[in-house]
Amino acid sequence: MYTVSTVHSKGGCGKSTVAINIARALQLRSLDVAMLDTDKQSTAQNWRASGSEELLPVFGVEKPSNLESTAEGLADAFDVAVIDGGAHLQEMHAAIIKQSDLVLIPIQPSPGDIWPTETIVDLIKARQQVAGGPEAAFVINRRKQGTRLGKATEEALRQFDMPVWDGTADRVAYAEALGNGISVVESSNNKAAAEVEAITDNVIETLSTNGRR
């Protein structure tokens, strides 16, 4: 089983939105997918409760010490686990990074999102030195249409020597989809769907090339 996570030490940067949408997109590509929700706001669990029975299962994990055993218990039944990481929980972040094959860092085009990433990057690089992984990438989230902030953010992130992926634009379709218990890939917003499909393509390519199983 491959494990993909979304991690950032700041709240409100789109971790749950990215995690939920790529998890559902992977499921719709005929993969067996589960989510592990470590966020105290329980966004992924609430999304699952608001949707149909065909949605992927979501398991709540409150303690870092329970993350590994929960993931190991799912390994034989699922192709991919997607972990939604909460904010301001360094011990949980370390546990998530240890468990992951790929860590995504959703980041909005704002200095307030860039500055706190150093701690997360340090955790990832420390783990890479010990274990040779996980892979990691920034995902620029909620780009403002018609501004240069997204490009400026991408350039600022280059200092961390990690891939920077195109992510999402600032679209109401994402909030609407979450509220309806679906992913934007199932919505009528083709642009939002294309954004998530592109992120999902990158996830699959990264895992198939570099991921541990």
N, C-alpha and C. Protein backbone atom coordinates (compact mmCIF):
# COMPACT_ATOMS: atom_id res chain seq x y z
N MET A 1 0.85 -1.20 0.00
CA MET A 1 0.00 0.00 0.00
C MET A 1 0.88 1.25 0.00
N TYR A 2 0.60 2.14 -0.91
CA TYR A 2 1.27 3.43 -0.92
C TYR A 2 0.55 4.39 0.03
N THR A 3 1.31 5.33 0.59
CA THR A 3 0.71 6.31 1.51
C THR A 3 1.08 7.72 1.06
N VAL A 4 0.06 8.55 0.86
CA VAL A 4 0.21 9.94 0.46
C VAL A 4 -0.36 10.81 1.56
N SER A 5 0.30 11.89 1.90
CA SER A 5 -0.20 12.75 2.97
C SER A 5 -0.17 14.22 2.56
N THR A 6 -1.00 15.01 3.23
CA THR A 6 -0.96 16.46 3.10
C THR A 6 -0.60 17.03 4.46
N VAL A 7 0.43 17.85 4.50
CA VAL A 7 0.95 18.35 5.77
C VAL A 7 1.32 19.83 5.64
N HIS A 8 0.96 20.59 6.64
CA HIS A 8 1.40 21.98 6.77
C HIS A 8 1.16 22.37 8.22
N SER A 9 2.04 23.18 8.78
CA SER A 9 1.88 23.55 10.19
C SER A 9 0.86 24.66 10.40
N LYS A 10 0.37 25.26 9.30
CA LYS A 10 -0.60 26.34 9.38
C LYS A 10 -1.98 25.82 8.97
N GLY A 11 -3.00 26.28 9.66
CA GLY A 11 -4.36 25.91 9.29
C GLY A 11 -4.88 26.74 8.13
N GLY A 12 -5.90 26.25 7.45
CA GLY A 12 -6.56 27.01 6.42
C GLY A 12 -5.84 27.10 5.09
N CYS A 13 -4.86 26.21 4.85
CA CYS A 13 -4.11 26.30 3.59
C CYS A 13 -4.60 25.29 2.56
N GLY A 14 -5.61 24.50 2.90
CA GLY A 14 -6.21 23.60 1.93
C GLY A 14 -5.77 22.15 2.01
N LYS A 15 -5.21 21.75 3.15
CA LYS A 15 -4.75 20.37 3.29
C LYS A 15 -5.88 19.37 3.07
N SER A 16 -7.01 19.59 3.74
CA SER A 16 -8.13 18.66 3.64
C SER A 16 -8.72 18.66 2.23
N THR A 17 -8.82 19.82 1.63
CA THR A 17 -9.37 19.92 0.27
C THR A 17 -8.52 19.11 -0.72
N VAL A 18 -7.22 19.28 -0.64
CA VAL A 18 -6.33 18.54 -1.53
C VAL A 18 -6.41 17.04 -1.24
N ALA A 19 -6.34 16.67 0.03
CA ALA A 19 -6.36 15.25 0.39
C ALA A 19 -7.64 14.56 -0.05
N ILE A 20 -8.77 15.18 0.21
CA ILE A 20 -10.06 14.58 -0.13
C ILE A 20 -10.21 14.45 -1.64
N ASN A 21 -9.86 15.49 -2.36
CA ASN A 21 -10.06 15.45 -3.80
C ASN A 21 -9.15 14.44 -4.50
N ILE A 22 -7.89 14.35 -4.07
CA ILE A 22 -7.04 13.36 -4.74
C ILE A 22 -7.41 11.94 -4.31
N ALA A 23 -7.86 11.78 -3.07
CA ALA A 23 -8.28 10.44 -2.62
C ALA A 23 -9.46 9.96 -3.45
N ARG A 24 -10.44 10.81 -3.65
CA ARG A 24 -11.60 10.42 -4.44
C ARG A 24 -11.23 10.24 -5.92
N ALA A 25 -10.33 11.08 -6.43
CA ALA A 25 -9.90 10.93 -7.81
C ALA A 25 -9.19 9.60 -8.01
N LEU A 26 -8.37 9.20 -7.05
CA LEU A 26 -7.70 7.91 -7.13
C LEU A 26 -8.72 6.77 -7.07
N GLN A 27 -9.72 6.91 -6.22
CA GLN A 27 -10.76 5.88 -6.13
C GLN A 27 -11.51 5.76 -7.45
N LEU A 28 -11.79 6.86 -8.09
CA LEU A 28 -12.51 6.84 -9.36
C LEU A 28 -11.66 6.28 -10.50
N ARG A 29 -10.36 6.11 -10.25
CA ARG A 29 -9.49 5.44 -11.22
C ARG A 29 -9.35 3.95 -10.88
N SER A 30 -10.32 3.46 -10.12
CA SER A 30 -10.44 2.03 -9.81
C SER A 30 -9.40 1.51 -8.82
N LEU A 31 -8.85 2.41 -8.00
CA LEU A 31 -7.96 1.99 -6.93
C LEU A 31 -8.73 1.87 -5.63
N ASP A 32 -8.32 0.96 -4.77
CA ASP A 32 -8.90 0.84 -3.43
C ASP A 32 -8.19 1.84 -2.53
N VAL A 33 -8.94 2.83 -2.05
CA VAL A 33 -8.36 3.96 -1.33
C VAL A 33 -9.03 4.13 0.03
N ALA A 34 -8.23 4.43 1.04
CA ALA A 34 -8.75 4.78 2.36
C ALA A 34 -8.13 6.11 2.77
N MET A 35 -8.82 6.83 3.64
CA MET A 35 -8.27 8.05 4.20
C MET A 35 -8.08 7.89 5.70
N LEU A 36 -7.01 8.52 6.21
CA LEU A 36 -6.77 8.63 7.64
C LEU A 36 -6.87 10.10 8.00
N ASP A 37 -7.80 10.44 8.85
CA ASP A 37 -8.08 11.83 9.21
C ASP A 37 -7.46 12.12 10.57
N THR A 38 -6.38 12.92 10.58
CA THR A 38 -5.72 13.28 11.84
C THR A 38 -6.06 14.70 12.27
N ASP A 39 -6.91 15.37 11.50
CA ASP A 39 -7.28 16.76 11.76
C ASP A 39 -8.37 16.82 12.82
N LYS A 40 -8.17 17.64 13.85
CA LYS A 40 -9.16 17.77 14.92
C LYS A 40 -10.49 18.30 14.40
N GLN A 41 -10.49 18.99 13.28
CA GLN A 41 -11.73 19.49 12.69
C GLN A 41 -12.53 18.39 11.99
N SER A 42 -11.89 17.24 11.77
CA SER A 42 -12.57 16.06 11.19
C SER A 42 -13.21 16.36 9.84
N THR A 43 -12.57 17.19 9.03
CA THR A 43 -13.14 17.57 7.74
C THR A 43 -13.39 16.35 6.86
N ALA A 44 -12.41 15.47 6.77
CA ALA A 44 -12.56 14.30 5.90
C ALA A 44 -13.67 13.38 6.40
N GLN A 45 -13.78 13.20 7.71
CA GLN A 45 -14.83 12.36 8.25
C GLN A 45 -16.21 12.97 8.02
N ASN A 46 -16.31 14.28 8.16
CA ASN A 46 -17.58 14.95 7.90
C ASN A 46 -17.95 14.87 6.42
N TRP A 47 -16.96 14.99 5.54
CA TRP A 47 -17.20 14.85 4.10
C TRP A 47 -17.73 13.46 3.80
N ARG A 48 -17.11 12.45 4.37
CA ARG A 48 -17.55 11.08 4.14
C ARG A 48 -18.98 10.88 4.63
N ALA A 49 -19.32 11.46 5.77
CA ALA A 49 -20.66 11.29 6.33
C ALA A 49 -21.72 11.98 5.48
N SER A 50 -21.33 13.01 4.72
CA SER A 50 -22.29 13.76 3.91
C SER A 50 -22.47 13.19 2.52
N GLY A 51 -21.68 12.16 2.18
CA GLY A 51 -21.71 11.62 0.83
C GLY A 51 -22.43 10.28 0.73
N SER A 52 -22.27 9.64 -0.40
CA SER A 52 -22.95 8.38 -0.68
C SER A 52 -22.15 7.20 -0.12
N GLU A 53 -22.78 6.04 -0.11
CA GLU A 53 -22.14 4.85 0.45
C GLU A 53 -20.93 4.40 -0.37
N GLU A 54 -20.85 4.81 -1.63
CA GLU A 54 -19.74 4.36 -2.47
C GLU A 54 -18.44 5.10 -2.19
N LEU A 55 -18.49 6.16 -1.36
CA LEU A 55 -17.27 6.89 -1.06
C LEU A 55 -16.29 6.02 -0.31
N LEU A 56 -15.03 6.31 -0.47
CA LEU A 56 -13.97 5.60 0.23
C LEU A 56 -14.12 5.75 1.75
N PRO A 57 -13.65 4.77 2.51
CA PRO A 57 -13.75 4.86 3.97
C PRO A 57 -12.76 5.87 4.54
N VAL A 58 -13.14 6.50 5.64
CA VAL A 58 -12.29 7.47 6.33
C VAL A 58 -12.17 7.04 7.79
N PHE A 59 -10.93 6.93 8.27
CA PHE A 59 -10.68 6.49 9.64
C PHE A 59 -10.05 7.64 10.43
N GLY A 60 -10.61 7.95 11.57
CA GLY A 60 -10.05 8.98 12.42
C GLY A 60 -8.87 8.45 13.23
N VAL A 61 -7.81 9.24 13.29
CA VAL A 61 -6.62 8.88 14.09
C VAL A 61 -6.28 10.09 14.95
N GLU A 62 -6.43 9.96 16.26
CA GLU A 62 -6.24 11.09 17.15
C GLU A 62 -4.83 11.19 17.71
N LYS A 63 -4.13 10.07 17.83
CA LYS A 63 -2.81 10.07 18.47
C LYS A 63 -1.73 9.63 17.50
N PRO A 64 -0.57 10.30 17.54
CA PRO A 64 0.53 9.88 16.67
C PRO A 64 0.92 8.42 16.88
N SER A 65 0.82 7.95 18.10
CA SER A 65 1.21 6.57 18.40
C SER A 65 0.30 5.55 17.74
N ASN A 66 -0.90 5.97 17.31
CA ASN A 66 -1.84 5.04 16.68
C ASN A 66 -1.75 5.03 15.15
N LEU A 67 -0.99 5.95 14.59
CA LEU A 67 -1.00 6.11 13.13
C LEU A 67 -0.40 4.90 12.43
N GLU A 68 0.75 4.45 12.88
CA GLU A 68 1.42 3.34 12.21
C GLU A 68 0.59 2.06 12.27
N SER A 69 0.04 1.75 13.43
CA SER A 69 -0.74 0.52 13.57
C SER A 69 -2.02 0.59 12.74
N THR A 70 -2.64 1.76 12.66
CA THR A 70 -3.84 1.92 11.84
C THR A 70 -3.51 1.70 10.37
N ALA A 71 -2.43 2.31 9.91
CA ALA A 71 -2.02 2.15 8.51
C ALA A 71 -1.67 0.70 8.21
N GLU A 72 -0.95 0.07 9.11
CA GLU A 72 -0.56 -1.33 8.89
C GLU A 72 -1.78 -2.24 8.82
N GLY A 73 -2.82 -1.90 9.59
CA GLY A 73 -4.04 -2.69 9.56
C GLY A 73 -4.81 -2.58 8.26
N LEU A 74 -4.53 -1.54 7.49
CA LEU A 74 -5.22 -1.32 6.21
C LEU A 74 -4.42 -1.82 5.01
N ALA A 75 -3.16 -2.13 5.23
CA ALA A 75 -2.23 -2.36 4.12
C ALA A 75 -2.65 -3.46 3.18
N ASP A 76 -3.23 -4.53 3.69
CA ASP A 76 -3.60 -5.66 2.83
C ASP A 76 -4.90 -5.42 2.05
N ALA A 77 -5.68 -4.44 2.48
CA ALA A 77 -7.00 -4.24 1.87
C ALA A 77 -7.04 -3.07 0.88
N PHE A 78 -6.02 -2.21 0.89
CA PHE A 78 -6.08 -1.00 0.08
C PHE A 78 -4.82 -0.80 -0.74
N ASP A 79 -4.99 -0.13 -1.88
CA ASP A 79 -3.85 0.22 -2.73
C ASP A 79 -3.15 1.48 -2.24
N VAL A 80 -3.96 2.43 -1.77
CA VAL A 80 -3.44 3.74 -1.36
C VAL A 80 -4.14 4.20 -0.10
N ALA A 81 -3.38 4.77 0.83
CA ALA A 81 -3.95 5.48 1.96
C ALA A 81 -3.57 6.95 1.83
N VAL A 82 -4.54 7.83 2.04
CA VAL A 82 -4.29 9.27 1.99
C VAL A 82 -4.49 9.82 3.39
N ILE A 83 -3.46 10.46 3.94
CA ILE A 83 -3.52 11.00 5.29
C ILE A 83 -3.75 12.51 5.23
N ASP A 84 -4.79 12.96 5.90
CA ASP A 84 -5.06 14.39 6.03
C ASP A 84 -4.45 14.86 7.35
N GLY A 85 -3.38 15.66 7.26
CA GLY A 85 -2.67 16.11 8.46
C GLY A 85 -3.24 17.39 9.02
N GLY A 86 -3.37 17.46 10.33
CA GLY A 86 -3.85 18.67 10.99
C GLY A 86 -2.73 19.70 11.14
N ALA A 87 -3.08 20.87 11.69
CA ALA A 87 -2.12 21.96 11.86
C ALA A 87 -1.57 21.98 13.29
N HIS A 88 -0.38 22.58 13.44
CA HIS A 88 0.23 22.84 14.75
C HIS A 88 0.44 21.58 15.57
N LEU A 89 0.74 20.46 14.93
CA LEU A 89 0.92 19.20 15.65
C LEU A 89 2.22 18.55 15.20
N GLN A 90 3.35 19.04 15.69
CA GLN A 90 4.63 18.59 15.17
C GLN A 90 4.85 17.10 15.41
N GLU A 91 4.42 16.59 16.55
CA GLU A 91 4.60 15.16 16.82
C GLU A 91 3.81 14.32 15.81
N MET A 92 2.58 14.74 15.50
CA MET A 92 1.78 14.04 14.50
C MET A 92 2.40 14.20 13.12
N HIS A 93 2.90 15.39 12.82
CA HIS A 93 3.54 15.60 11.53
C HIS A 93 4.71 14.65 11.34
N ALA A 94 5.52 14.47 12.36
CA ALA A 94 6.65 13.56 12.27
C ALA A 94 6.19 12.13 12.02
N ALA A 95 5.11 11.73 12.69
CA ALA A 95 4.57 10.38 12.49
C ALA A 95 4.02 10.21 11.09
N ILE A 96 3.35 11.24 10.57
CA ILE A 96 2.80 11.18 9.21
C ILE A 96 3.92 11.06 8.19
N ILE A 97 4.94 11.89 8.33
CA ILE A 97 6.06 11.88 7.38
C ILE A 97 6.76 10.52 7.40
N LYS A 98 6.92 9.96 8.58
CA LYS A 98 7.55 8.64 8.71
C LYS A 98 6.74 7.57 7.97
N GLN A 99 5.42 7.72 7.97
CA GLN A 99 4.54 6.72 7.39
C GLN A 99 4.36 6.88 5.88
N SER A 100 4.75 8.04 5.35
CA SER A 100 4.38 8.41 3.97
C SER A 100 5.41 7.98 2.93
N ASP A 101 4.91 7.69 1.74
CA ASP A 101 5.74 7.55 0.55
C ASP A 101 5.84 8.88 -0.19
N LEU A 102 4.81 9.71 -0.05
CA LEU A 102 4.77 11.02 -0.70
C LEU A 102 4.08 12.01 0.22
N VAL A 103 4.76 13.12 0.51
CA VAL A 103 4.19 14.19 1.33
C VAL A 103 3.91 15.40 0.44
N LEU A 104 2.68 15.86 0.44
CA LEU A 104 2.31 17.07 -0.28
C LEU A 104 2.14 18.20 0.72
N ILE A 105 2.69 19.35 0.40
CA ILE A 105 2.57 20.53 1.26
C ILE A 105 1.73 21.56 0.52
N PRO A 106 0.41 21.59 0.77
CA PRO A 106 -0.43 22.62 0.13
C PRO A 106 -0.05 23.99 0.67
N ILE A 107 0.06 24.95 -0.22
CA ILE A 107 0.49 26.27 0.21
C ILE A 107 -0.20 27.34 -0.62
N GLN A 108 -0.78 28.31 0.05
CA GLN A 108 -1.43 29.40 -0.64
C GLN A 108 -0.38 30.44 -1.04
N PRO A 109 -0.64 31.21 -2.09
CA PRO A 109 0.33 32.21 -2.54
C PRO A 109 0.37 33.41 -1.59
N SER A 110 0.98 33.18 -0.43
CA SER A 110 1.05 34.21 0.61
C SER A 110 2.29 33.97 1.45
N PRO A 111 3.02 35.03 1.82
CA PRO A 111 4.18 34.85 2.71
C PRO A 111 3.81 34.15 4.01
N GLY A 112 2.58 34.37 4.49
CA GLY A 112 2.14 33.74 5.72
C GLY A 112 2.06 32.23 5.63
N ASP A 113 1.95 31.70 4.42
CA ASP A 113 1.96 30.26 4.22
C ASP A 113 3.37 29.74 3.98
N ILE A 114 4.22 30.57 3.37
CA ILE A 114 5.57 30.14 3.03
C ILE A 114 6.45 30.05 4.28
N TRP A 115 6.38 31.05 5.14
CA TRP A 115 7.28 31.10 6.29
C TRP A 115 7.19 29.87 7.20
N PRO A 116 5.99 29.36 7.50
CA PRO A 116 5.94 28.21 8.43
C PRO A 116 6.36 26.88 7.82
N THR A 117 6.66 26.84 6.52
CA THR A 117 6.97 25.56 5.89
C THR A 117 8.35 25.03 6.25
N GLU A 118 9.21 25.89 6.75
CA GLU A 118 10.59 25.46 7.01
C GLU A 118 10.64 24.29 7.99
N THR A 119 9.79 24.32 9.01
CA THR A 119 9.78 23.23 9.99
C THR A 119 9.39 21.92 9.33
N ILE A 120 8.36 21.95 8.47
CA ILE A 120 7.91 20.74 7.77
C ILE A 120 8.99 20.22 6.85
N VAL A 121 9.62 21.12 6.10
CA VAL A 121 10.70 20.73 5.18
C VAL A 121 11.85 20.09 5.95
N ASP A 122 12.18 20.66 7.11
CA ASP A 122 13.26 20.10 7.92
C ASP A 122 12.92 18.68 8.37
N LEU A 123 11.66 18.44 8.77
CA LEU A 123 11.24 17.09 9.17
C LEU A 123 11.34 16.11 8.00
N ILE A 124 10.92 16.57 6.83
CA ILE A 124 10.98 15.70 5.65
C ILE A 124 12.42 15.36 5.29
N LYS A 125 13.29 16.36 5.26
CA LYS A 125 14.67 16.13 4.87
C LYS A 125 15.42 15.28 5.89
N ALA A 126 15.07 15.44 7.16
CA ALA A 126 15.68 14.60 8.19
C ALA A 126 15.28 13.15 7.98
N ARG A 127 14.03 12.91 7.65
CA ARG A 127 13.56 11.55 7.39
C ARG A 127 14.19 10.99 6.12
N GLN A 128 14.35 11.82 5.11
CA GLN A 128 14.97 11.37 3.87
C GLN A 128 16.41 10.92 4.11
N GLN A 129 17.12 11.62 4.97
CA GLN A 129 18.50 11.25 5.26
C GLN A 129 18.59 9.90 5.95
N VAL A 130 17.59 9.60 6.77
CA VAL A 130 17.60 8.35 7.53
C VAL A 130 17.07 7.18 6.69
N ALA A 131 15.97 7.43 5.96
CA ALA A 131 15.24 6.34 5.30
C ALA A 131 15.24 6.40 3.78
N GLY A 132 15.79 7.47 3.21
CA GLY A 132 15.78 7.59 1.75
C GLY A 132 14.47 8.10 1.18
N GLY A 133 13.53 8.43 1.99
CA GLY A 133 12.22 8.93 1.59
C GLY A 133 11.57 9.59 2.79
N PRO A 134 10.42 10.17 2.61
CA PRO A 134 9.51 10.10 1.48
C PRO A 134 9.86 11.11 0.38
N GLU A 135 9.19 10.93 -0.77
CA GLU A 135 9.18 11.99 -1.77
C GLU A 135 8.31 13.13 -1.23
N ALA A 136 8.52 14.33 -1.75
CA ALA A 136 7.74 15.47 -1.27
C ALA A 136 7.61 16.52 -2.35
N ALA A 137 6.54 17.30 -2.28
CA ALA A 137 6.32 18.38 -3.24
C ALA A 137 5.40 19.43 -2.63
N PHE A 138 5.62 20.67 -3.01
CA PHE A 138 4.68 21.74 -2.69
C PHE A 138 3.55 21.71 -3.72
N VAL A 139 2.34 22.01 -3.27
CA VAL A 139 1.19 22.14 -4.16
C VAL A 139 0.60 23.53 -3.95
N ILE A 140 0.79 24.41 -4.92
CA ILE A 140 0.27 25.77 -4.77
C ILE A 140 -1.24 25.73 -4.87
N ASN A 141 -1.88 26.26 -3.85
CA ASN A 141 -3.32 26.09 -3.66
C ASN A 141 -4.01 27.46 -3.65
N ARG A 142 -5.21 27.48 -4.22
CA ARG A 142 -6.03 28.70 -4.21
C ARG A 142 -5.33 29.89 -4.87
N ARG A 143 -4.77 29.64 -6.04
CA ARG A 143 -4.19 30.75 -6.81
C ARG A 143 -5.29 31.77 -7.12
N LYS A 144 -4.94 33.04 -7.04
CA LYS A 144 -5.86 34.11 -7.40
C LYS A 144 -5.73 34.39 -8.89
N GLN A 145 -6.85 34.28 -9.58
CA GLN A 145 -6.84 34.49 -11.03
C GLN A 145 -6.44 35.93 -11.34
N GLY A 146 -5.60 36.08 -12.36
CA GLY A 146 -5.22 37.42 -12.81
C GLY A 146 -4.16 38.10 -11.98
N THR A 147 -3.49 37.36 -11.07
CA THR A 147 -2.42 37.96 -10.27
C THR A 147 -1.12 37.19 -10.51
N ARG A 148 -0.02 37.79 -10.08
CA ARG A 148 1.29 37.17 -10.23
C ARG A 148 1.74 36.47 -8.94
N LEU A 149 0.87 36.40 -7.96
CA LEU A 149 1.26 35.84 -6.67
C LEU A 149 1.66 34.38 -6.79
N GLY A 150 0.94 33.62 -7.62
CA GLY A 150 1.27 32.21 -7.77
C GLY A 150 2.68 32.00 -8.28
N LYS A 151 3.07 32.78 -9.29
CA LYS A 151 4.42 32.68 -9.85
C LYS A 151 5.46 33.11 -8.83
N ALA A 152 5.17 34.19 -8.10
CA ALA A 152 6.12 34.67 -7.09
C ALA A 152 6.28 33.65 -5.97
N THR A 153 5.18 32.98 -5.60
CA THR A 153 5.25 31.95 -4.57
C THR A 153 6.10 30.79 -5.04
N GLU A 154 5.90 30.37 -6.29
CA GLU A 154 6.68 29.27 -6.85
C GLU A 154 8.17 29.59 -6.81
N GLU A 155 8.52 30.81 -7.16
CA GLU A 155 9.93 31.20 -7.15
C GLU A 155 10.49 31.22 -5.72
N ALA A 156 9.69 31.68 -4.76
CA ALA A 156 10.13 31.72 -3.37
C ALA A 156 10.35 30.33 -2.81
N LEU A 157 9.55 29.36 -3.26
CA LEU A 157 9.66 28.00 -2.75
C LEU A 157 10.86 27.25 -3.30
N ARG A 158 11.45 27.75 -4.37
CA ARG A 158 12.60 27.08 -4.96
C ARG A 158 13.77 26.98 -3.98
N GLN A 159 13.80 27.88 -2.99
CA GLN A 159 14.89 27.87 -2.02
C GLN A 159 14.94 26.57 -1.22
N PHE A 160 13.80 25.86 -1.16
CA PHE A 160 13.74 24.64 -0.38
C PHE A 160 14.19 23.41 -1.16
N ASP A 161 14.49 23.58 -2.43
CA ASP A 161 14.99 22.49 -3.27
C ASP A 161 14.04 21.30 -3.28
N MET A 162 12.76 21.59 -3.49
CA MET A 162 11.74 20.56 -3.61
C MET A 162 10.84 20.89 -4.79
N PRO A 163 10.25 19.88 -5.43
CA PRO A 163 9.36 20.16 -6.56
C PRO A 163 8.18 21.05 -6.15
N VAL A 164 7.75 21.88 -7.08
CA VAL A 164 6.58 22.75 -6.87
C VAL A 164 5.56 22.42 -7.95
N TRP A 165 4.41 21.89 -7.54
CA TRP A 165 3.38 21.50 -8.49
C TRP A 165 2.33 22.58 -8.63
N ASP A 166 1.79 22.72 -9.84
CA ASP A 166 0.58 23.52 -10.01
C ASP A 166 -0.53 22.85 -9.23
N GLY A 167 -1.29 23.62 -8.51
CA GLY A 167 -2.36 23.05 -7.70
C GLY A 167 -3.73 23.51 -8.14
N THR A 168 -4.36 24.32 -7.30
CA THR A 168 -5.73 24.72 -7.55
C THR A 168 -5.85 26.24 -7.64
N ALA A 169 -6.87 26.69 -8.34
CA ALA A 169 -7.23 28.10 -8.33
C ALA A 169 -8.27 28.33 -7.23
N ASP A 170 -8.48 29.57 -6.91
CA ASP A 170 -9.44 29.93 -5.86
C ASP A 170 -10.85 29.85 -6.44
N ARG A 171 -11.49 28.69 -6.29
CA ARG A 171 -12.79 28.44 -6.89
C ARG A 171 -13.79 28.00 -5.83
N VAL A 172 -15.00 28.51 -5.90
CA VAL A 172 -16.05 28.12 -4.97
C VAL A 172 -16.44 26.66 -5.18
N ALA A 173 -16.11 26.10 -6.33
CA ALA A 173 -16.46 24.71 -6.64
C ALA A 173 -15.89 23.73 -5.61
N TYR A 174 -14.74 24.06 -5.04
CA TYR A 174 -14.12 23.15 -4.07
C TYR A 174 -14.96 23.07 -2.79
N ALA A 175 -15.39 24.20 -2.28
CA ALA A 175 -16.23 24.21 -1.08
C ALA A 175 -17.58 23.56 -1.35
N GLU A 176 -18.14 23.83 -2.53
CA GLU A 176 -19.43 23.23 -2.88
C GLU A 176 -19.33 21.71 -2.96
N ALA A 177 -18.25 21.23 -3.55
CA ALA A 177 -18.09 19.77 -3.68
C ALA A 177 -17.95 19.12 -2.32
N LEU A 178 -17.15 19.70 -1.44
CA LEU A 178 -16.99 19.14 -0.09
C LEU A 178 -18.33 19.09 0.63
N GLY A 179 -19.10 20.15 0.52
CA GLY A 179 -20.39 20.21 1.18
C GLY A 179 -21.38 19.19 0.65
N ASN A 180 -21.19 18.80 -0.61
CA ASN A 180 -22.09 17.82 -1.24
C ASN A 180 -21.58 16.39 -1.14
N GLY A 181 -20.46 16.21 -0.46
CA GLY A 181 -19.92 14.86 -0.30
C GLY A 181 -19.37 14.26 -1.58
N ILE A 182 -18.78 15.09 -2.44
CA ILE A 182 -18.18 14.61 -3.68
C ILE A 182 -16.82 15.28 -3.86
N SER A 183 -16.13 14.91 -4.92
CA SER A 183 -14.92 15.60 -5.34
C SER A 183 -15.27 16.50 -6.52
N VAL A 184 -14.42 17.49 -6.78
CA VAL A 184 -14.68 18.35 -7.95
C VAL A 184 -14.57 17.58 -9.26
N VAL A 185 -13.91 16.42 -9.25
CA VAL A 185 -13.85 15.64 -10.49
C VAL A 185 -15.21 15.09 -10.86
N GLU A 186 -16.14 15.11 -9.92
CA GLU A 186 -17.52 14.68 -10.18
C GLU A 186 -18.46 15.86 -10.37
N SER A 187 -17.93 17.07 -10.29
CA SER A 187 -18.77 18.27 -10.39
C SER A 187 -18.86 18.73 -11.84
N SER A 188 -19.59 19.80 -12.04
CA SER A 188 -19.74 20.36 -13.39
C SER A 188 -18.66 21.38 -13.71
N ASN A 189 -17.75 21.62 -12.75
CA ASN A 189 -16.69 22.61 -12.99
C ASN A 189 -15.49 21.91 -13.62
N ASN A 190 -15.39 22.00 -14.93
CA ASN A 190 -14.35 21.28 -15.66
C ASN A 190 -12.95 21.78 -15.33
N LYS A 191 -12.82 23.07 -15.04
CA LYS A 191 -11.50 23.61 -14.73
C LYS A 191 -11.00 23.08 -13.39
N ALA A 192 -11.86 23.04 -12.39
CA ALA A 192 -11.47 22.49 -11.10
C ALA A 192 -11.16 21.00 -11.22
N ALA A 193 -11.98 20.29 -11.97
CA ALA A 193 -11.74 18.86 -12.18
C ALA A 193 -10.39 18.62 -12.83
N ALA A 194 -10.05 19.44 -13.82
CA ALA A 194 -8.77 19.29 -14.51
C ALA A 194 -7.59 19.54 -13.56
N GLU A 195 -7.77 20.49 -12.64
CA GLU A 195 -6.71 20.77 -11.66
C GLU A 195 -6.44 19.56 -10.78
N VAL A 196 -7.50 18.94 -10.29
CA VAL A 196 -7.34 17.78 -9.41
C VAL A 196 -6.79 16.59 -10.19
N GLU A 197 -7.26 16.40 -11.40
CA GLU A 197 -6.74 15.29 -12.21
C GLU A 197 -5.25 15.46 -12.47
N ALA A 198 -4.80 16.70 -12.67
CA ALA A 198 -3.38 16.94 -12.91
C ALA A 198 -2.55 16.62 -11.66
N ILE A 199 -3.05 17.02 -10.49
CA ILE A 199 -2.36 16.67 -9.24
C ILE A 199 -2.31 15.16 -9.07
N THR A 200 -3.43 14.50 -9.37
CA THR A 200 -3.50 13.05 -9.24
C THR A 200 -2.54 12.36 -10.19
N ASP A 201 -2.41 12.87 -11.40
CA ASP A 201 -1.43 12.34 -12.35
C ASP A 201 -0.02 12.42 -11.76
N ASN A 202 0.30 13.56 -11.14
CA ASN A 202 1.62 13.74 -10.54
C ASN A 202 1.84 12.77 -9.38
N VAL A 203 0.79 12.55 -8.59
CA VAL A 203 0.88 11.61 -7.47
C VAL A 203 1.21 10.21 -7.98
N ILE A 204 0.45 9.76 -8.98
CA ILE A 204 0.65 8.41 -9.51
C ILE A 204 2.04 8.27 -10.14
N GLU A 205 2.45 9.27 -10.89
CA GLU A 205 3.77 9.21 -11.52
C GLU A 205 4.88 9.16 -10.47
N THR A 206 4.75 9.96 -9.42
CA THR A 206 5.78 9.99 -8.37
C THR A 206 5.84 8.67 -7.62
N LEU A 207 4.68 8.13 -7.28
CA LEU A 207 4.65 6.86 -6.56
C LEU A 207 5.19 5.72 -7.40
N SER A 208 4.81 5.69 -8.66
CA SER A 208 5.24 4.59 -9.52
C SER A 208 6.73 4.65 -9.82
N THR A 209 7.30 5.86 -9.77
CA THR A 209 8.73 6.02 -10.06
C THR A 209 9.60 5.89 -8.83
N ASN A 210 9.11 6.47 -7.71
CA ASN A 210 9.98 6.58 -6.53
C ASN A 210 9.41 5.98 -5.26
N GLY A 211 8.11 5.68 -5.25
CA GLY A 211 7.49 5.27 -4.00
C GLY A 211 7.94 3.92 -3.50
N ARG A 212 7.93 3.74 -2.19
CA ARG A 212 8.18 2.45 -1.58
C ARG A 212 6.84 1.75 -1.39
N ARG A 213 6.84 0.44 -1.39
CA ARG A 213 5.57 -0.24 -1.20
C ARG A 213 5.72 -1.35 -0.17
